[in-house]
Protein backbone atom coordinates (compact mmCIF):
# COMPACT_ATOMS: atom_id res chain seq x y z
CA MET A 1 29.39 -14.23 57.11
CA MET A 2 27.17 -11.11 57.06
CA LYS A 3 28.31 -8.01 57.19
CA SER A 4 28.24 -5.38 60.24
CA LYS A 5 26.00 -2.67 60.06
CA ALA A 6 28.90 -0.33 59.68
CA GLY A 7 29.83 -2.37 56.60
CA ILE A 8 26.65 -2.16 54.67
CA GLY A 9 26.24 1.62 55.04
CA ALA A 10 30.11 1.82 53.89
CA SER A 11 28.78 0.01 50.47
CA ILE A 12 25.52 2.26 50.17
CA SER A 13 27.56 4.72 50.23
CA ARG A 14 30.83 3.67 47.95
CA ALA A 15 27.62 2.64 45.37
CA PHE A 16 26.23 6.06 45.93
CA PHE A 17 29.42 8.26 45.11
CA ALA A 18 30.21 5.77 42.46
CA PHE A 19 27.05 6.82 40.63
CA TYR A 20 27.20 10.80 41.67
CA GLU A 21 30.83 11.68 41.74
CA PRO A 22 31.11 12.38 38.00
CA CYS A 23 28.58 15.21 38.68
CA LEU A 24 29.83 16.47 42.07
CA HIS A 25 33.19 16.83 40.25
CA LEU A 26 31.36 18.97 37.45
CA GLY A 27 29.76 21.16 40.35
CA LEU A 28 26.26 19.95 38.69
CA HIS A 29 23.42 20.45 40.62
CA GLY A 30 20.73 17.88 38.78
CA ASN A 31 21.23 13.95 37.71
CA LEU A 32 19.95 11.99 34.82
CA LEU A 33 17.55 10.12 36.74
CA HIS A 34 15.43 13.05 38.33
CA LEU A 35 15.41 11.41 41.09
CA HIS A 36 13.06 12.82 44.23
CA PRO A 37 15.45 14.62 46.56
CA LEU A 38 16.99 12.31 49.42
CA PRO A 39 16.06 13.26 53.05
CA TYR A 40 18.49 15.31 54.43
CA CYS A 41 19.34 13.19 57.41
CA PHE A 42 20.09 9.96 54.72
CA PHE A 43 23.53 11.67 54.32
CA ASN A 44 24.30 12.20 57.97
CA TYR A 45 23.41 8.65 59.26
CA PRO A 46 26.49 7.40 60.84
CA LEU A 47 25.95 4.05 59.74
CA LEU A 48 26.64 5.01 55.92
CA GLY A 49 30.20 5.85 57.23
CA PHE A 50 31.03 9.22 56.56
CA PRO A 51 30.34 12.83 58.11
CA ALA A 52 28.45 14.93 55.35
CA PRO A 53 27.13 17.69 57.31
CA GLY A 54 25.83 20.31 54.89
CA PHE A 55 25.53 17.99 52.02
CA ARG A 56 22.55 17.40 49.96
CA VAL A 57 21.67 16.92 46.23
CA HIS A 58 19.49 19.07 44.24
CA CYS A 59 17.65 16.95 41.72
CA ARG A 60 14.81 19.39 40.42
CA HIS A 61 16.85 21.03 37.50
CA PHE A 62 18.65 19.60 34.16
CA VAL A 63 22.40 20.42 33.69
CA THR A 64 22.16 23.14 31.10
CA ALA A 65 23.98 23.42 27.31
CA SER A 66 26.38 25.93 28.59
CA ASP A 67 27.72 23.50 31.30
CA ASP A 68 28.50 20.59 29.40
CA PRO A 69 26.64 20.05 26.22
CA GLU A 70 27.74 16.26 26.08
CA LEU A 71 26.38 15.42 29.61
CA PHE A 72 23.27 18.00 28.59
CA LEU A 73 21.97 15.86 25.89
CA LYS A 74 22.79 12.94 27.74
CA SER A 75 20.35 14.05 30.83
CA VAL A 76 17.89 15.14 27.99
CA ARG A 77 17.79 11.62 26.24
CA GLN A 78 17.31 10.04 29.89
CA ARG A 79 14.52 12.20 30.56
CA CYS A 80 12.61 11.33 27.59
CA LYS A 81 12.80 7.97 28.40
CA LEU A 82 11.41 8.75 31.88
CA GLY A 83 8.43 11.22 30.28
CA PHE A 84 6.54 14.33 31.30
CA SER A 85 3.45 15.03 32.90
CA GLU A 86 3.57 18.71 31.53
CA VAL A 87 4.77 20.63 28.54
CA GLU A 88 6.43 23.06 30.15
CA PRO A 89 9.76 21.12 31.56
CA ALA A 90 10.20 19.81 27.71
CA LEU A 91 10.38 23.65 26.20
CA SER A 92 13.44 24.27 27.78
CA PRO A 93 15.46 21.50 26.74
CA PHE A 94 13.93 22.18 23.37
CA HIS A 95 15.39 25.68 23.31
CA GLN A 96 18.73 24.83 24.66
CA MET A 97 19.45 22.03 21.99
CA LYS A 98 18.73 24.54 19.32
CA SER A 99 20.89 26.72 20.49
CA LEU A 100 23.83 24.78 20.26
CA HIS A 101 26.47 24.83 18.04
CA PRO A 102 26.86 22.83 16.04
CA PRO A 103 23.10 21.68 16.44
CA PRO A 104 22.65 18.35 18.03
CA SER A 105 21.38 15.40 16.03
CA VAL A 106 17.78 15.35 15.05
CA ILE A 107 17.22 12.07 16.54
CA VAL A 108 17.52 14.13 20.33
CA PHE A 109 14.62 16.21 18.99
CA ASN A 110 12.59 13.18 17.97
CA GLN A 111 12.68 11.51 20.80
CA LEU A 112 11.64 14.75 22.91
CA PHE A 113 8.63 15.31 20.36
CA ALA A 114 7.95 11.69 21.11
CA ALA A 115 8.11 11.85 24.67
CA MET A 116 5.73 14.83 24.51
CA SER A 117 3.08 12.97 22.54
CA LYS A 118 2.93 10.68 25.56
CA ILE A 119 1.99 13.45 28.27
CA LYS A 120 -1.37 12.91 29.65
CA PRO A 121 -4.37 13.41 29.73
CA PHE A 122 -3.93 15.77 27.05
CA PRO A 123 -0.97 15.58 24.64
CA PRO A 124 0.11 19.18 23.33
CA TYR A 125 -0.08 18.70 19.74
CA SER A 126 -0.21 22.05 18.43
CA THR A 127 3.18 22.46 20.48
CA ILE A 128 4.82 19.66 18.81
CA LEU A 129 3.83 20.14 15.66
CA SER A 130 4.97 24.09 15.63
CA LEU A 131 8.25 23.01 17.37
CA SER A 132 9.16 20.56 14.70
CA SER A 133 7.85 23.25 12.07
CA ASN A 134 10.52 25.48 13.67
CA LEU A 135 13.02 23.22 14.13
CA GLU A 136 12.81 22.47 10.36
CA LEU A 137 13.05 26.63 9.41
CA SER A 138 16.10 26.93 11.52
CA GLY A 139 17.89 24.65 9.26
CA LEU A 140 17.42 21.24 11.13
CA ARG A 141 16.37 18.72 7.98
CA PRO A 142 13.70 16.23 9.46
CA ASP A 143 14.26 12.47 8.90
CA HIS A 144 11.55 9.78 8.63
CA CYS A 145 11.24 9.48 12.25
CA THR A 146 10.33 13.09 12.63
CA ILE A 147 7.93 12.76 9.49
CA GLY A 148 6.44 9.93 11.33
CA ILE A 149 5.57 11.59 14.50
CA ARG A 150 4.25 14.66 12.76
CA THR A 151 2.01 12.80 11.06
CA THR A 152 0.83 10.44 13.97
CA VAL A 153 0.38 13.66 15.84
CA VAL A 154 -1.80 15.41 13.26
CA THR A 155 -4.03 11.81 12.60
CA ALA A 156 -4.58 11.94 16.14
CA THR A 157 -5.63 15.33 16.15
CA TRP A 158 -7.72 14.77 13.12
CA GLU A 159 -9.48 11.64 14.16
CA GLY A 160 -10.43 13.47 17.43
CA SER A 161 -8.38 10.62 19.40
CA ILE A 162 -7.84 12.63 22.46
CA SER A 163 -9.80 12.83 25.22
CA GLY A 164 -11.71 16.09 26.31
CA PRO A 165 -11.64 19.49 24.76
CA PRO A 166 -9.77 19.74 21.66
CA PHE A 167 -6.82 21.93 21.79
CA TRP A 168 -7.32 23.71 18.45
CA GLN A 169 -10.22 23.72 15.54
CA TRP A 170 -10.51 22.56 12.33
CA GLU A 171 -9.04 25.75 10.73
CA ASP A 172 -5.94 25.33 13.25
CA VAL A 173 -4.77 21.97 11.63
CA LYS A 174 -5.65 23.40 8.19
CA ALA A 175 -3.69 26.35 8.75
CA LEU A 176 -1.00 24.53 10.37
CA LEU A 177 -0.35 22.49 7.73
CA SER A 178 -0.73 24.76 4.96
CA GLU A 179 2.08 26.76 6.53
CA MET A 180 4.29 23.58 6.79
CA LEU A 181 3.44 23.47 3.04
CA GLU A 182 4.22 26.97 2.08
CA ASN A 183 7.26 26.17 3.90
CA ASN A 184 8.40 23.25 2.29
CA VAL A 185 8.52 21.31 5.19
CA ALA A 186 8.34 17.60 4.72
CA LEU A 187 5.04 16.09 5.06
CA MET A 188 4.07 12.11 4.59
CA VAL A 189 0.76 11.09 2.26
CA ASP A 190 -1.37 10.87 5.04
CA SER A 191 -0.96 14.76 5.77
CA TYR A 192 -1.74 15.34 2.55
CA SER A 193 -4.40 13.22 2.32
CA MET A 194 -5.94 15.00 5.09
CA LEU A 195 -5.13 18.59 3.70
CA ILE A 196 -7.37 17.38 0.86
CA ASP A 197 -10.13 16.49 3.00
CA MET A 198 -10.22 19.92 4.65
CA HIS A 199 -10.76 21.94 1.66
CA CYS A 200 -13.14 19.03 0.28
CA LYS A 201 -15.31 19.44 3.08
CA ASP A 202 -15.02 23.27 2.80
CA GLY A 203 -16.07 23.15 -0.58
CA ARG A 204 -12.87 24.56 -1.73
CA VAL A 205 -12.01 21.74 -4.14
CA ASP A 206 -9.52 23.96 -6.16
CA GLU A 207 -7.68 24.15 -3.56
CA ALA A 208 -7.63 20.43 -3.00
CA ARG A 209 -6.55 19.80 -6.37
CA ALA A 210 -3.44 22.21 -5.91
CA ILE A 211 -2.66 20.06 -2.71
CA LEU A 212 -2.41 16.88 -4.91
CA GLU A 213 -0.56 18.52 -7.64
CA CYS A 214 1.69 19.75 -5.56
CA MET A 215 2.34 16.10 -4.07
CA VAL A 216 3.26 15.22 -7.74
CA ASP A 217 5.69 18.29 -7.95
CA ARG A 218 7.33 17.45 -5.25
CA GLY A 219 7.88 13.61 -6.09
CA ILE A 220 5.14 12.23 -3.90
CA ALA A 221 3.00 9.59 -5.35
CA PRO A 222 -0.76 10.16 -4.35
CA ASP A 223 -1.90 7.32 -2.84
CA VAL A 224 -6.02 6.12 -3.54
CA VAL A 225 -6.62 7.77 -0.58
CA ALA A 226 -5.85 10.75 -1.72
CA TYR A 227 -7.11 10.48 -4.97
CA SER A 228 -10.31 9.10 -3.46
CA THR A 229 -10.47 12.15 -1.11
CA LEU A 230 -10.36 14.51 -4.06
CA ILE A 231 -12.71 12.65 -6.23
CA ASP A 232 -15.35 12.58 -3.66
CA GLY A 233 -15.20 16.32 -3.48
CA LEU A 234 -15.29 16.84 -6.90
CA CYS A 235 -18.73 14.83 -6.81
CA LYS A 236 -20.31 16.58 -4.35
CA ALA A 237 -19.31 20.06 -5.69
CA ASN A 238 -20.86 18.51 -8.87
CA LYS A 239 -17.84 18.92 -10.93
CA LEU A 240 -17.90 15.13 -12.81
CA LYS A 241 -15.37 16.23 -16.04
CA ARG A 242 -12.67 16.85 -13.61
CA THR A 243 -13.82 13.71 -11.03
CA PHE A 244 -12.97 11.42 -13.95
CA LYS A 245 -9.77 13.39 -14.95
CA TYR A 246 -8.33 12.18 -11.81
CA PHE A 247 -10.22 8.76 -12.03
CA LYS A 248 -8.16 7.98 -14.70
CA GLU A 249 -5.11 9.39 -13.72
CA MET A 250 -4.84 7.17 -10.90
CA GLN A 251 -5.28 4.31 -12.70
CA LEU A 252 -2.35 5.27 -15.21
CA HIS A 253 -0.17 5.56 -12.49
CA GLY A 254 -1.07 1.95 -11.22
CA ILE A 255 -3.50 2.78 -8.36
CA VAL A 256 -6.19 0.49 -8.05
CA PRO A 257 -9.59 2.49 -7.13
CA ASN A 258 -11.19 0.66 -4.54
CA VAL A 259 -14.83 0.83 -2.99
CA ILE A 260 -15.19 4.24 -1.51
CA THR A 261 -13.68 5.76 -4.95
CA PHE A 262 -16.57 3.77 -6.70
CA THR A 263 -19.26 4.91 -4.06
CA SER A 264 -18.10 8.31 -4.47
CA LEU A 265 -18.52 8.32 -8.52
CA PHE A 266 -21.38 6.29 -8.15
CA ASP A 267 -23.34 8.86 -5.87
CA GLY A 268 -22.32 11.69 -8.29
CA LEU A 269 -23.40 10.16 -11.25
CA HIS A 270 -27.01 9.47 -9.96
CA LYS A 271 -27.12 12.77 -8.43
CA ASN A 272 -26.52 14.43 -11.76
CA GLY A 273 -28.58 12.63 -13.38
CA HIS A 274 -26.73 10.01 -15.26
CA PRO A 275 -28.12 6.95 -13.85
CA HIS A 276 -26.85 4.77 -16.96
CA ARG A 277 -23.18 5.60 -16.38
CA ALA A 278 -23.89 4.95 -12.94
CA MET A 279 -24.76 1.24 -14.14
CA ALA A 280 -22.12 0.99 -16.34
CA LEU A 281 -19.50 1.88 -13.38
CA LEU A 282 -20.67 -1.16 -11.34
CA ARG A 283 -19.81 -3.33 -14.28
CA GLU A 284 -16.40 -1.47 -14.20
CA MET A 285 -16.55 -2.28 -10.42
CA HIS A 286 -17.49 -5.96 -10.87
CA ASN A 287 -14.88 -6.33 -13.28
CA ASN A 288 -12.26 -4.92 -10.98
CA GLY A 289 -12.94 -7.53 -8.81
CA ILE A 290 -14.64 -5.33 -5.99
CA ALA A 291 -17.66 -6.45 -4.11
CA LEU A 292 -20.51 -4.50 -4.15
CA GLY A 293 -20.73 -2.60 -1.11
CA ILE A 294 -23.72 -1.39 1.13
CA MET A 295 -23.22 1.52 0.53
CA ILE A 296 -23.55 1.65 -3.16
CA CYS A 297 -26.91 -0.51 -3.06
CA ASP A 298 -28.15 2.50 -0.63
CA ILE A 299 -27.63 5.03 -3.57
CA GLN A 300 -28.89 2.66 -6.42
CA LEU A 301 -32.17 1.82 -4.32
CA ASP A 302 -32.58 5.68 -3.20
CA SER A 303 -32.33 6.56 -7.10
CA LEU A 304 -34.92 3.72 -8.08
CA CYS A 305 -37.31 4.90 -5.50
CA GLU A 306 -36.84 8.43 -6.05
CA SER A 307 -37.64 7.81 -9.66
CA GLY A 308 -40.92 6.01 -8.80
CA CYS A 309 -39.41 2.90 -10.18
CA VAL A 310 -40.79 0.38 -7.12
CA LYS A 311 -40.87 -2.55 -9.00
CA GLY A 312 -37.13 -2.17 -9.77
CA ALA A 313 -36.67 -1.00 -6.60
CA LYS A 314 -38.27 -4.56 -4.82
CA ALA A 315 -36.40 -6.88 -7.28
CA PHE A 316 -33.03 -5.02 -6.68
CA PHE A 317 -33.78 -5.47 -2.78
CA SER A 318 -33.98 -9.01 -2.75
CA THR A 319 -30.88 -9.31 -5.25
CA VAL A 320 -29.02 -7.50 -2.54
CA ILE A 321 -30.25 -10.50 -0.14
CA SER A 322 -29.72 -13.03 -2.59
CA LYS A 323 -26.09 -12.19 -3.10
CA GLY A 324 -25.55 -12.37 0.79
CA LEU A 325 -25.39 -8.63 1.68
CA LYS A 326 -27.14 -7.86 4.62
CA PRO A 327 -29.65 -4.40 3.98
CA ASP A 328 -28.83 -1.42 6.49
CA CYS A 329 -31.53 0.55 8.42
CA ARG A 330 -30.87 3.16 5.74
CA MET A 331 -32.10 0.45 2.99
CA TYR A 332 -35.03 -0.74 4.62
CA ASN A 333 -36.55 2.73 5.79
CA THR A 334 -35.80 3.90 1.62
CA MET A 335 -37.57 0.99 0.92
CA ILE A 336 -40.36 1.50 2.97
CA LYS A 337 -40.53 5.30 1.94
CA GLY A 338 -40.57 3.99 -1.69
CA LEU A 339 -43.94 1.57 -0.92
CA CYS A 340 -45.16 4.17 0.87
CA LYS A 341 -45.25 6.53 -1.88
CA LYS A 342 -46.93 4.35 -3.91
CA GLY A 343 -49.45 3.88 -1.55
CA LEU A 344 -48.41 -0.17 -0.78
CA MET A 345 -48.89 0.40 3.02
CA THR A 346 -49.43 -3.69 3.29
CA GLU A 347 -45.93 -4.38 2.03
CA ALA A 348 -44.70 -1.40 3.67
CA THR A 349 -45.84 -2.82 7.28
CA GLU A 350 -44.47 -6.29 6.49
CA LEU A 351 -41.18 -4.89 5.43
CA LEU A 352 -41.33 -2.93 9.03
CA LYS A 353 -41.55 -6.31 10.66
CA LYS A 354 -38.75 -7.81 8.36
CA MET A 355 -36.90 -4.53 9.42
CA GLU A 356 -37.29 -5.28 13.42
CA TYR A 357 -36.92 -9.20 12.78
CA SER A 358 -33.28 -8.33 11.16
CA GLY A 359 -32.04 -6.76 14.41
CA TYR A 360 -32.71 -3.13 13.25
CA LEU A 361 -35.05 -1.04 15.63
CA PRO A 362 -37.39 1.52 13.56
CA ASN A 363 -36.58 4.97 14.05
CA SER A 364 -38.14 8.58 13.56
CA CYS A 365 -37.65 8.11 9.71
CA THR A 366 -39.10 4.78 9.46
CA TYR A 367 -41.97 6.13 11.66
CA ASN A 368 -42.65 9.25 9.88
CA ASN A 369 -42.22 7.66 6.19
CA ILE A 370 -45.13 4.98 7.73
CA ILE A 371 -47.24 7.59 9.14
CA ARG A 372 -47.13 9.97 6.12
CA GLY A 373 -47.93 6.94 3.79
CA PHE A 374 -51.14 6.01 5.69
CA ILE A 375 -52.41 10.04 6.10
CA LEU A 376 -51.77 10.12 2.09
CA ASN A 377 -53.71 6.53 1.95
CA SER A 378 -56.30 8.61 4.30
CA ASP A 379 -56.38 6.08 6.59
CA LEU A 380 -55.94 8.33 9.68
CA GLN A 381 -56.60 6.23 12.55
CA THR A 382 -53.82 3.74 11.68
CA ALA A 383 -51.65 7.01 10.76
CA LEU A 384 -52.53 8.32 14.55
CA CYS A 385 -51.63 4.69 15.79
CA TYR A 386 -48.34 4.72 14.46
CA ARG A 387 -47.91 8.34 15.99
CA ASP A 388 -48.78 7.12 19.49
CA ILE A 389 -46.04 4.37 18.78
CA MET A 390 -43.36 6.52 17.65
CA VAL A 391 -44.01 8.93 20.50
CA ASN A 392 -43.76 6.26 23.11
CA GLU A 393 -40.61 4.85 21.66
CA GLY A 394 -39.49 8.48 22.23
CA PHE A 395 -39.40 10.22 18.78
CA GLU A 396 -41.41 12.86 17.55
CA ALA A 397 -42.99 13.84 13.91
CA ASP A 398 -40.85 15.62 11.69
CA VAL A 399 -41.65 18.79 10.09
CA ASP A 400 -42.92 17.11 7.13
CA THR A 401 -45.41 15.06 9.27
CA MET A 402 -46.76 17.47 11.27
CA SER A 403 -47.66 19.88 7.91
CA MET A 404 -49.28 17.17 7.11
CA PHE A 405 -51.49 16.50 10.29
CA VAL A 406 -51.90 20.72 10.14
CA ASP A 407 -53.24 20.59 6.59
CA LEU A 408 -55.87 17.78 7.41
CA LEU A 409 -57.13 19.78 10.22
CA SER A 410 -57.92 22.94 8.01
CA SER A 411 -59.15 20.94 4.93
CA ASP A 412 -62.45 19.34 4.25
CA GLN A 413 -61.21 15.83 3.96
CA LEU A 414 -62.02 15.25 7.21
CA ASP A 415 -65.46 15.17 9.36
CA ASP A 416 -65.79 17.07 12.46
CA SER A 417 -65.09 13.77 14.58
CA SER A 418 -61.96 12.87 12.59
CA LYS A 419 -60.68 16.36 13.16
CA GLU A 420 -61.75 16.14 16.86
CA LEU A 421 -59.93 12.89 16.98
CA LEU A 422 -56.96 14.28 15.15
CA GLN A 423 -57.01 17.29 17.43
CA LYS A 424 -56.88 15.22 20.57
CA SER A 425 -54.21 12.65 19.67
CA PHE A 426 -52.18 15.21 18.06
CA PHE A 427 -51.87 17.59 20.80
CA SER A 428 -52.91 15.00 23.95
CA PRO A 429 -50.22 12.47 22.85
CA LYS A 430 -50.04 9.13 24.94
CA ILE A 431 -46.76 9.15 26.67
CA ARG A 432 -45.11 6.27 28.31
């Protein structure tokens, strides 16, 4: 049998007060679910079965820690589940929890930090890291979850995964991580690696080395990323002796170098004039079962072309293809540049066609190399033809190419008609 309207109203009122009665007895002005305030007329509607003049539930504020610490912590956990739309409402619970004696479990703080990290559209990453660092300095040690949140936050900031304008810049990230390190705040391996990378990119490789040594002193084993990052920085700083010290050290600790490690070493050896050691490194790489990467192929091809060994470069280029690797745009440009320097323009233009056929569109570097090649081979008309194609494709002559055109105008290599053609084409290009 269906209930009367009065019966339904009474059921609703009983259910409502069964939920809110504990809060009413405590004299609180909030609830656990942070609901929107219900209309005043709802509580005076006669179908509810009770008169409630002047009664209203306020749902805009948390219960405070001084009212009832246990209920306060429950309200914080529930609020974290619901999430925050801005950072300010999360700061008050943090400071209230921190003021409790004894302090609550770090788990509640982790829930708060996790909820803050989900604020859209711009998560307050800097605030989260500052609060977590401040918490540890006050004596509450982080657990693995806290460290995981820190690492996630720093990684998201470092990789630029947040949309919109950044909240802080490179130096801010580095300063905060350094401060955490100095104050013995626990960091995960990824955070150490990022700090090493920052110092290396700033050219401060000695500071980067100190970070890695600090990891070891604290009982944290550097992984292949940490070692490879430091090795890359040392190679760029031309400190090969120290580079190979860490290369051997990582292997002694059972860490197998990856393709990134070998690429950094290979590049460093070539740039420091050690091609034979670079080839020996390739053999070691092969012995370790690491496949030849396209980046190493780029480096080797560039080294051969720069040394004028175009025959060897052509053979190496063919070997790369025969091994099933697909040359990238950089490799095509490097090979075209090498051919142009040797005056092999027919081969250079043929390779340009193969490049397009392989799905790589010529870019500014490609066209400028071709144009300079034809100028060096005294074929001004073809050079100007490619210059027009380049402009129509949206590219412009670079500084070296422009310099060669200007030198031709002021030289005795061209007759008056050729100079007129050059001047007309150079200053009045055909634009699509």
